[in-house]
PDB file of N, CA and C in Angstrom:
ATOM      1  N   MET A   1      11.067 -19.943  -2.530  1.00  0.00           N
ATOM      2  CA  MET A   1      12.043 -18.884  -2.477  1.00  0.00           C
ATOM      3  C   MET A   1      11.681 -17.899  -1.371  1.00  0.00           C
ATOM      4  N   PRO A   2      12.644 -17.390  -0.643  1.00  0.00           N
ATOM      5  CA  PRO A   2      12.330 -16.499   0.471  1.00  0.00           C
ATOM      6  C   PRO A   2      11.770 -15.154   0.021  1.00  0.00           C
ATOM      7  N   VAL A   3      10.827 -14.666   0.807  1.00  0.00           N
ATOM      8  CA  VAL A   3      10.266 -13.343   0.581  1.00  0.00           C
ATOM      9  C   VAL A   3      11.117 -12.343   1.348  1.00  0.00           C
ATOM     10  N   HIS A   4      11.450 -11.220   0.696  1.00  0.00           N
ATOM     11  CA  HIS A   4      12.256 -10.210   1.366  1.00  0.00           C
ATOM     12  C   HIS A   4      11.445  -8.996   1.781  1.00  0.00           C
ATOM     13  N   ASN A   5      10.575  -8.542   0.945  1.00  0.00           N
ATOM     14  CA  ASN A   5       9.775  -7.377   1.270  1.00  0.00           C
ATOM     15  C   ASN A   5       8.367  -7.578   0.749  1.00  0.00           C
ATOM     16  N   VAL A   6       7.397  -7.062   1.499  1.00  0.00           N
ATOM     17  CA  VAL A   6       6.003  -7.043   1.063  1.00  0.00           C
ATOM     18  C   VAL A   6       5.464  -5.660   1.389  1.00  0.00           C
ATOM     19  N   GLU A   7       4.816  -5.067   0.427  1.00  0.00           N
ATOM     20  CA  GLU A   7       4.135  -3.800   0.666  1.00  0.00           C
ATOM     21  C   GLU A   7       2.709  -3.949   0.158  1.00  0.00           C
ATOM     22  N   VAL A   8       1.734  -3.614   1.001  1.00  0.00           N
ATOM     23  CA  VAL A   8       0.323  -3.728   0.634  1.00  0.00           C
ATOM     24  C   VAL A   8      -0.254  -2.323   0.502  1.00  0.00           C
ATOM     25  N   VAL A   9      -0.831  -2.056  -0.674  1.00  0.00           N
ATOM     26  CA  VAL A   9      -1.448  -0.762  -0.961  1.00  0.00           C
ATOM     27  C   VAL A   9      -2.818  -1.024  -1.570  1.00  0.00           C
ATOM     28  N   ASP A  10      -3.873  -0.511  -0.920  1.00  0.00           N
ATOM     29  CA  ASP A  10      -5.242  -0.627  -1.438  1.00  0.00           C
ATOM     30  C   ASP A  10      -5.632  -2.062  -1.794  1.00  0.00           C
ATOM     31  N   GLY A  11      -5.289  -3.016  -0.935  1.00  0.00           N
ATOM     32  CA  GLY A  11      -5.685  -4.397  -1.161  1.00  0.00           C
ATOM     33  C   GLY A  11      -4.841  -5.149  -2.180  1.00  0.00           C
ATOM     34  N   ILE A  12      -3.725  -4.554  -2.589  1.00  0.00           N
ATOM     35  CA  ILE A  12      -2.807  -5.199  -3.525  1.00  0.00           C
ATOM     36  C   ILE A  12      -1.469  -5.403  -2.814  1.00  0.00           C
ATOM     37  N   ALA A  13      -0.955  -6.644  -2.814  1.00  0.00           N
ATOM     38  CA  ALA A  13       0.342  -6.941  -2.206  1.00  0.00           C
ATOM     39  C   ALA A  13       1.413  -6.960  -3.282  1.00  0.00           C
ATOM     40  N   TYR A  14       2.482  -6.218  -3.046  1.00  0.00           N
ATOM     41  CA  TYR A  14       3.647  -6.185  -3.925  1.00  0.00           C
ATOM     42  C   TYR A  14       4.735  -6.940  -3.173  1.00  0.00           C
ATOM     43  N   VAL A  15       5.166  -8.081  -3.733  1.00  0.00           N
ATOM     44  CA  VAL A  15       6.036  -9.006  -3.019  1.00  0.00           C
ATOM     45  C   VAL A  15       7.349  -9.157  -3.767  1.00  0.00           C
ATOM     46  N   SER A  16       8.460  -9.020  -3.033  1.00  0.00           N
ATOM     47  CA  SER A  16       9.784  -9.206  -3.624  1.00  0.00           C
ATOM     48  C   SER A  16      10.366 -10.524  -3.113  1.00  0.00           C
ATOM     49  N   TYR A  17      10.614 -11.445  -4.027  1.00  0.00           N
ATOM     50  CA  TYR A  17      11.233 -12.720  -3.691  1.00  0.00           C
ATOM     51  C   TYR A  17      12.709 -12.657  -4.029  1.00  0.00           C
ATOM     52  N   ASN A  18      13.477 -13.548  -3.444  1.00  0.00           N
ATOM     53  CA  ASN A  18      14.905 -13.562  -3.693  1.00  0.00           C
ATOM     54  C   ASN A  18      15.200 -13.834  -5.172  1.00  0.00           C
ATOM     55  N   ILE A  19      14.954 -15.047  -5.644  1.00  0.00           N
ATOM     56  CA  ILE A  19      15.231 -15.360  -7.052  1.00  0.00           C
ATOM     57  C   ILE A  19      13.976 -15.745  -7.816  1.00  0.00           C
ATOM     58  N   ASP A  20      12.828 -15.537  -7.217  1.00  0.00           N
ATOM     59  CA  ASP A  20      11.578 -15.912  -7.881  1.00  0.00           C
ATOM     60  C   ASP A  20      10.824 -14.690  -8.387  1.00  0.00           C
ATOM     61  N   GLY A  21      11.527 -13.587  -8.557  1.00  0.00           N
ATOM     62  CA  GLY A  21      10.927 -12.399  -9.144  1.00  0.00           C
ATOM     63  C   GLY A  21      10.045 -11.624  -8.195  1.00  0.00           C
ATOM     64  N   ARG A  22       9.259 -10.745  -8.775  1.00  0.00           N
ATOM     65  CA  ARG A  22       8.339  -9.917  -8.019  1.00  0.00           C
ATOM     66  C   ARG A  22       6.935 -10.311  -8.397  1.00  0.00           C
ATOM     67  N   ARG A  23       6.085 -10.364  -7.415  1.00  0.00           N
ATOM     68  CA  ARG A  23       4.700 -10.778  -7.640  1.00  0.00           C
ATOM     69  C   ARG A  23       3.773  -9.674  -7.158  1.00  0.00           C
ATOM     70  N   VAL A  24       2.682  -9.512  -7.858  1.00  0.00           N
ATOM     71  CA  VAL A  24       1.636  -8.577  -7.446  1.00  0.00           C
ATOM     72  C   VAL A  24       0.382  -9.418  -7.250  1.00  0.00           C
ATOM     73  N   VAL A  25      -0.178  -9.348  -6.033  1.00  0.00           N
ATOM     74  CA  VAL A  25      -1.282 -10.226  -5.662  1.00  0.00           C
ATOM     75  C   VAL A  25      -2.466  -9.392  -5.187  1.00  0.00           C
ATOM     76  N   HIS A  26      -3.624  -9.660  -5.784  1.00  0.00           N
ATOM     77  CA  HIS A  26      -4.874  -8.986  -5.422  1.00  0.00           C
ATOM     78  C   HIS A  26      -5.414  -9.678  -4.174  1.00  0.00           C
ATOM     79  N   LEU A  27      -5.567  -8.916  -3.063  1.00  0.00           N
ATOM     80  CA  LEU A  27      -5.979  -9.498  -1.785  1.00  0.00           C
ATOM     81  C   LEU A  27      -7.389  -9.133  -1.366  1.00  0.00           C
ATOM     82  N   ARG A  28      -8.117  -8.433  -2.163  1.00  0.00           N
ATOM     83  CA  ARG A  28      -9.430  -7.939  -1.722  1.00  0.00           C
ATOM     84  C   ARG A  28     -10.398  -9.055  -1.377  1.00  0.00           C
ATOM     85  N   ASP A  29     -10.291 -10.201  -2.019  1.00  0.00           N
ATOM     86  CA  ASP A  29     -11.060 -11.383  -1.633  1.00  0.00           C
ATOM     87  C   ASP A  29     -10.099 -12.270  -0.851  1.00  0.00           C
ATOM     88  N   SER A  30     -10.120 -12.157   0.471  1.00  0.00           N
ATOM     89  CA  SER A  30      -9.117 -12.824   1.314  1.00  0.00           C
ATOM     90  C   SER A  30      -9.131 -14.344   1.184  1.00  0.00           C
ATOM     91  N   GLU A  31     -10.236 -14.908   0.760  1.00  0.00           N
ATOM     92  CA  GLU A  31     -10.294 -16.357   0.592  1.00  0.00           C
ATOM     93  C   GLU A  31      -9.856 -16.808  -0.801  1.00  0.00           C
ATOM     94  N   ASN A  32      -9.625 -15.855  -1.682  1.00  0.00           N
ATOM     95  CA  ASN A  32      -9.238 -16.196  -3.049  1.00  0.00           C
ATOM     96  C   ASN A  32      -8.251 -15.158  -3.600  1.00  0.00           C
ATOM     97  N   PRO A  33      -7.040 -15.052  -2.991  1.00  0.00           N
ATOM     98  CA  PRO A  33      -6.067 -14.095  -3.523  1.00  0.00           C
ATOM     99  C   PRO A  33      -5.638 -14.513  -4.926  1.00  0.00           C
ATOM    100  N   LYS A  34      -5.405 -13.519  -5.788  1.00  0.00           N
ATOM    101  CA  LYS A  34      -5.029 -13.822  -7.171  1.00  0.00           C
ATOM    102  C   LYS A  34      -3.796 -13.041  -7.578  1.00  0.00           C
ATOM    103  N   GLN A  35      -2.831 -13.760  -8.158  1.00  0.00           N
ATOM    104  CA  GLN A  35      -1.670 -13.079  -8.714  1.00  0.00           C
ATOM    105  C   GLN A  35      -2.116 -12.336  -9.968  1.00  0.00           C
ATOM    106  N   ILE A  36      -1.801 -11.049 -10.047  1.00  0.00           N
ATOM    107  CA  ILE A  36      -2.228 -10.262 -11.200  1.00  0.00           C
ATOM    108  C   ILE A  36      -1.048  -9.746 -12.028  1.00  0.00           C
ATOM    109  N   ALA A  37       0.174  -9.912 -11.520  1.00  0.00           N
ATOM    110  CA  ALA A  37       1.348  -9.507 -12.287  1.00  0.00           C
ATOM    111  C   ALA A  37       2.575 -10.217 -11.734  1.00  0.00           C
ATOM    112  N   HIS A  38       3.590 -10.334 -12.591  1.00  0.00           N
ATOM    113  CA  HIS A  38       4.837 -10.997 -12.218  1.00  0.00           C
ATOM    114  C   HIS A  38       5.968 -10.405 -13.044  1.00  0.00           C
ATOM    115  N   PHE A  39       7.107 -10.206 -12.423  1.00  0.00           N
ATOM    116  CA  PHE A  39       8.306  -9.753 -13.127  1.00  0.00           C
ATOM    117  C   PHE A  39       9.481 -10.525 -12.565  1.00  0.00           C
ATOM    118  N   ASP A  40      10.238 -11.188 -13.423  1.00  0.00           N
ATOM    119  CA  ASP A  40      11.401 -11.969 -12.994  1.00  0.00           C
ATOM    120  C   ASP A  40      12.585 -11.557 -13.848  1.00  0.00           C
ATOM    121  N   ASN A  41      13.557 -10.904 -13.239  1.00  0.00           N
ATOM    122  CA  ASN A  41      14.715 -10.446 -13.994  1.00  0.00           C
ATOM    123  C   ASN A  41      15.914 -11.385 -13.873  1.00  0.00           C
ATOM    124  N   VAL A  42      15.766 -12.509 -13.163  1.00  0.00           N
ATOM    125  CA  VAL A  42      16.846 -13.482 -13.035  1.00  0.00           C
ATOM    126  C   VAL A  42      16.493 -14.699 -13.881  1.00  0.00           C
ATOM    127  N   SER A  43      17.313 -14.978 -14.892  1.00  0.00           N
ATOM    128  CA  SER A  43      17.031 -16.127 -15.754  1.00  0.00           C
ATOM    129  C   SER A  43      17.216 -17.432 -14.984  1.00  0.00           C
ATOM    130  N   ALA A  44      16.570 -18.476 -15.446  1.00  0.00           N
ATOM    131  CA  ALA A  44      16.598 -19.768 -14.756  1.00  0.00           C
ATOM    132  C   ALA A  44      18.026 -20.277 -14.571  1.00  0.00           C
ATOM    133  N   GLU A  45      18.875 -20.107 -15.579  1.00  0.00           N
ATOM    134  CA  GLU A  45      20.250 -20.608 -15.470  1.00  0.00           C
ATOM    135  C   GLU A  45      21.096 -19.779 -14.512  1.00  0.00           C
ATOM    136  N   ASP A  46      20.665 -18.554 -14.177  1.00  0.00           N
ATOM    137  CA  ASP A  46      21.408 -17.708 -13.248  1.00  0.00           C
ATOM    138  C   ASP A  46      20.887 -17.791 -11.817  1.00  0.00           C
ATOM    139  N   GLU A  47      19.829 -18.555 -11.580  1.00  0.00           N
ATOM    140  CA  GLU A  47      19.209 -18.565 -10.260  1.00  0.00           C
ATOM    141  C   GLU A  47      20.087 -19.173  -9.177  1.00  0.00           C
ATOM    142  N   ARG A  48      20.904 -20.132  -9.512  1.00  0.00           N
ATOM    143  CA  ARG A  48      21.779 -20.724  -8.503  1.00  0.00           C
ATOM    144  C   ARG A  48      22.861 -19.703  -8.143  1.00  0.00           C
ATOM    145  N   GLY A  49      22.934 -19.369  -6.886  1.00  0.00           N
ATOM    146  CA  GLY A  49      23.949 -18.429  -6.433  1.00  0.00           C
ATOM    147  C   GLY A  49      23.562 -16.979  -6.617  1.00  0.00           C
ATOM    148  N   SER A  50      22.384 -16.708  -7.128  1.00  0.00           N
ATOM    149  CA  SER A  50      21.944 -15.336  -7.341  1.00  0.00           C
ATOM    150  C   SER A  50      21.260 -14.811  -6.091  1.00  0.00           C
ATOM    151  N   TRP A  51      21.468 -13.538  -5.798  1.00  0.00           N
ATOM    152  CA  TRP A  51      20.781 -12.909  -4.677  1.00  0.00           C
ATOM    153  C   TRP A  51      19.458 -12.324  -5.105  1.00  0.00           C
ATOM    154  N   GLY A  52      19.335 -11.951  -6.356  1.00  0.00           N
ATOM    155  CA  GLY A  52      18.058 -11.509  -6.894  1.00  0.00           C
ATOM    156  C   GLY A  52      17.440 -10.327  -6.186  1.00  0.00           C
ATOM    157  N   GLY A  53      16.094 -10.319  -6.183  1.00  0.00           N
ATOM    158  CA  GLY A  53      15.339  -9.181  -5.679  1.00  0.00           C
ATOM    159  C   GLY A  53      15.401  -9.019  -4.178  1.00  0.00           C
ATOM    160  N   ARG A  54      15.467  -7.783  -3.751  1.00  0.00           N
ATOM    161  CA  ARG A  54      15.503  -7.493  -2.324  1.00  0.00           C
ATOM    162  C   ARG A  54      14.420  -6.529  -1.892  1.00  0.00           C
ATOM    163  N   GLY A  55      14.095  -5.538  -2.696  1.00  0.00           N
ATOM    164  CA  GLY A  55      13.187  -4.522  -2.215  1.00  0.00           C
ATOM    165  C   GLY A  55      12.055  -4.221  -3.161  1.00  0.00           C
ATOM    166  N   VAL A  56      10.964  -3.748  -2.585  1.00  0.00           N
ATOM    167  CA  VAL A  56       9.826  -3.272  -3.358  1.00  0.00           C
ATOM    168  C   VAL A  56       9.220  -2.109  -2.584  1.00  0.00           C
ATOM    169  N   HIS A  57       8.866  -1.063  -3.312  1.00  0.00           N
ATOM    170  CA  HIS A  57       8.263   0.109  -2.686  1.00  0.00           C
ATOM    171  C   HIS A  57       7.300   0.737  -3.680  1.00  0.00           C
ATOM    172  N   VAL A  58       6.128   1.136  -3.206  1.00  0.00           N
ATOM    173  CA  VAL A  58       5.095   1.700  -4.076  1.00  0.00           C
ATOM    174  C   VAL A  58       4.866   3.149  -3.681  1.00  0.00           C
ATOM    175  N   VAL A  59       4.929   4.043  -4.681  1.00  0.00           N
ATOM    176  CA  VAL A  59       4.638   5.459  -4.484  1.00  0.00           C
ATOM    177  C   VAL A  59       3.628   5.850  -5.553  1.00  0.00           C
ATOM    178  N   LYS A  60       2.415   6.175  -5.103  1.00  0.00           N
ATOM    179  CA  LYS A  60       1.310   6.490  -6.007  1.00  0.00           C
ATOM    180  C   LYS A  60       1.142   5.362  -7.012  1.00  0.00           C
ATOM    181  N   TYR A  61       1.395   5.609  -8.285  1.00  0.00           N
ATOM    182  CA  TYR A  61       1.204   4.577  -9.318  1.00  0.00           C
ATOM    183  C   TYR A  61       2.515   4.011  -9.836  1.00  0.00           C
ATOM    184  N   THR A  62       3.592   4.170  -9.091  1.00  0.00           N
ATOM    185  CA  THR A  62       4.883   3.647  -9.514  1.00  0.00           C
ATOM    186  C   THR A  62       5.369   2.610  -8.516  1.00  0.00           C
ATOM    187  N   VAL A  63       5.787   1.452  -9.042  1.00  0.00           N
ATOM    188  CA  VAL A  63       6.331   0.370  -8.222  1.00  0.00           C
ATOM    189  C   VAL A  63       7.838   0.341  -8.466  1.00  0.00           C
ATOM    190  N   TYR A  64       8.598   0.500  -7.399  1.00  0.00           N
ATOM    191  CA  TYR A  64      10.061   0.478  -7.484  1.00  0.00           C
ATOM    192  C   TYR A  64      10.565  -0.855  -6.965  1.00  0.00           C
ATOM    193  N   LEU A  65      11.475  -1.465  -7.709  1.00  0.00           N
ATOM    194  CA  LEU A  65      12.068  -2.741  -7.341  1.00  0.00           C
ATOM    195  C   LEU A  65      13.578  -2.583  -7.297  1.00  0.00           C
ATOM    196  N   SER A  66      14.213  -3.297  -6.374  1.00  0.00           N
ATOM    197  CA  SER A  66      15.675  -3.297  -6.354  1.00  0.00           C
ATOM    198  C   SER A  66      16.174  -4.724  -6.422  1.00  0.00           C
ATOM    199  N   ASP A  67      17.330  -4.867  -7.035  1.00  0.00           N
ATOM    200  CA  ASP A  67      17.945  -6.163  -7.226  1.00  0.00           C
ATOM    201  C   ASP A  67      19.432  -6.011  -6.922  1.00  0.00           C
ATOM    202  N   MET A  68      19.979  -6.923  -6.139  1.00  0.00           N
ATOM    203  CA  MET A  68      21.383  -6.798  -5.721  1.00  0.00           C
ATOM    204  C   MET A  68      22.367  -7.000  -6.867  1.00  0.00           C
ATOM    205  N   GLN A  69      21.933  -7.593  -7.972  1.00  0.00           N
ATOM    206  CA  GLN A  69      22.854  -7.846  -9.069  1.00  0.00           C
ATOM    207  C   GLN A  69      22.587  -6.980 -10.299  1.00  0.00           C
ATOM    208  N   SER A  70      21.339  -6.737 -10.598  1.00  0.00           N
ATOM    209  CA  SER A  70      21.064  -6.054 -11.869  1.00  0.00           C
ATOM    210  C   SER A  70      20.556  -4.631 -11.717  1.00  0.00           C
ATOM    211  N   GLY A  71      20.372  -4.130 -10.485  1.00  0.00           N
ATOM    212  CA  GLY A  71      20.025  -2.724 -10.326  1.00  0.00           C
ATOM    213  C   GLY A  71      18.604  -2.479  -9.886  1.00  0.00           C
ATOM    214  N   ARG A  72      18.071  -1.323 -10.354  1.00  0.00           N
ATOM    215  CA  ARG A  72      16.746  -0.893  -9.947  1.00  0.00           C
ATOM    216  C   ARG A  72      15.815  -0.839 -11.138  1.00  0.00           C
ATOM    217  N   TYR A  73      14.528  -1.007 -10.836  1.00  0.00           N
ATOM    218  CA  TYR A  73      13.497  -0.982 -11.869  1.00  0.00           C
ATOM    219  C   TYR A  73      12.339  -0.141 -11.364  1.00  0.00           C
ATOM    220  N   ALA A  74      11.626   0.462 -12.284  1.00  0.00           N
ATOM    221  CA  ALA A  74      10.404   1.212 -11.932  1.00  0.00           C
ATOM    222  C   ALA A  74       9.325   0.871 -12.945  1.00  0.00           C
ATOM    223  N   PHE A  75       8.116   0.592 -12.447  1.00  0.00           N
ATOM    224  CA  PHE A  75       6.985   0.243 -13.301  1.00  0.00           C
ATOM    225  C   PHE A  75       5.795   1.105 -12.945  1.00  0.00           C
ATOM    226  N   ARG A  76       5.035   1.489 -13.928  1.00  0.00           N
ATOM    227  CA  ARG A  76       3.783   2.221 -13.686  1.00  0.00           C
ATOM    228  C   ARG A  76       2.689   1.201 -13.423  1.00  0.00           C
ATOM    229  N   SER A  77       1.868   1.486 -12.444  1.00  0.00           N
ATOM    230  CA  SER A  77       0.757   0.628 -12.093  1.00  0.00           C
ATOM    231  C   SER A  77      -0.529   1.417 -12.266  1.00  0.00           C
ATOM    232  N   THR A  78      -1.597   0.743 -12.674  1.00  0.00           N
ATOM    233  CA  THR A  78      -2.874   1.442 -12.829  1.00  0.00           C
ATOM    234  C   THR A  78      -3.921   0.871 -11.918  1.00  0.00           C
TER     235      THR A  78
END
């Protein structure tokens, strides 16, 4: 699935995919990146023809996500 936005903060990559949800990847060990969180708001049966996630932005401890069909989301990160 295509990646639309990536924001890296303090060695953590916040990645917005089209229909494959949002991924949070720990990059501090560059030879062994690890996914540490995932959020997918598009159900499997809705993935065909869905535009899904487009944006991700991190401000302090809040991760903001945007989706062209279902709106905006905000999550607290620690």
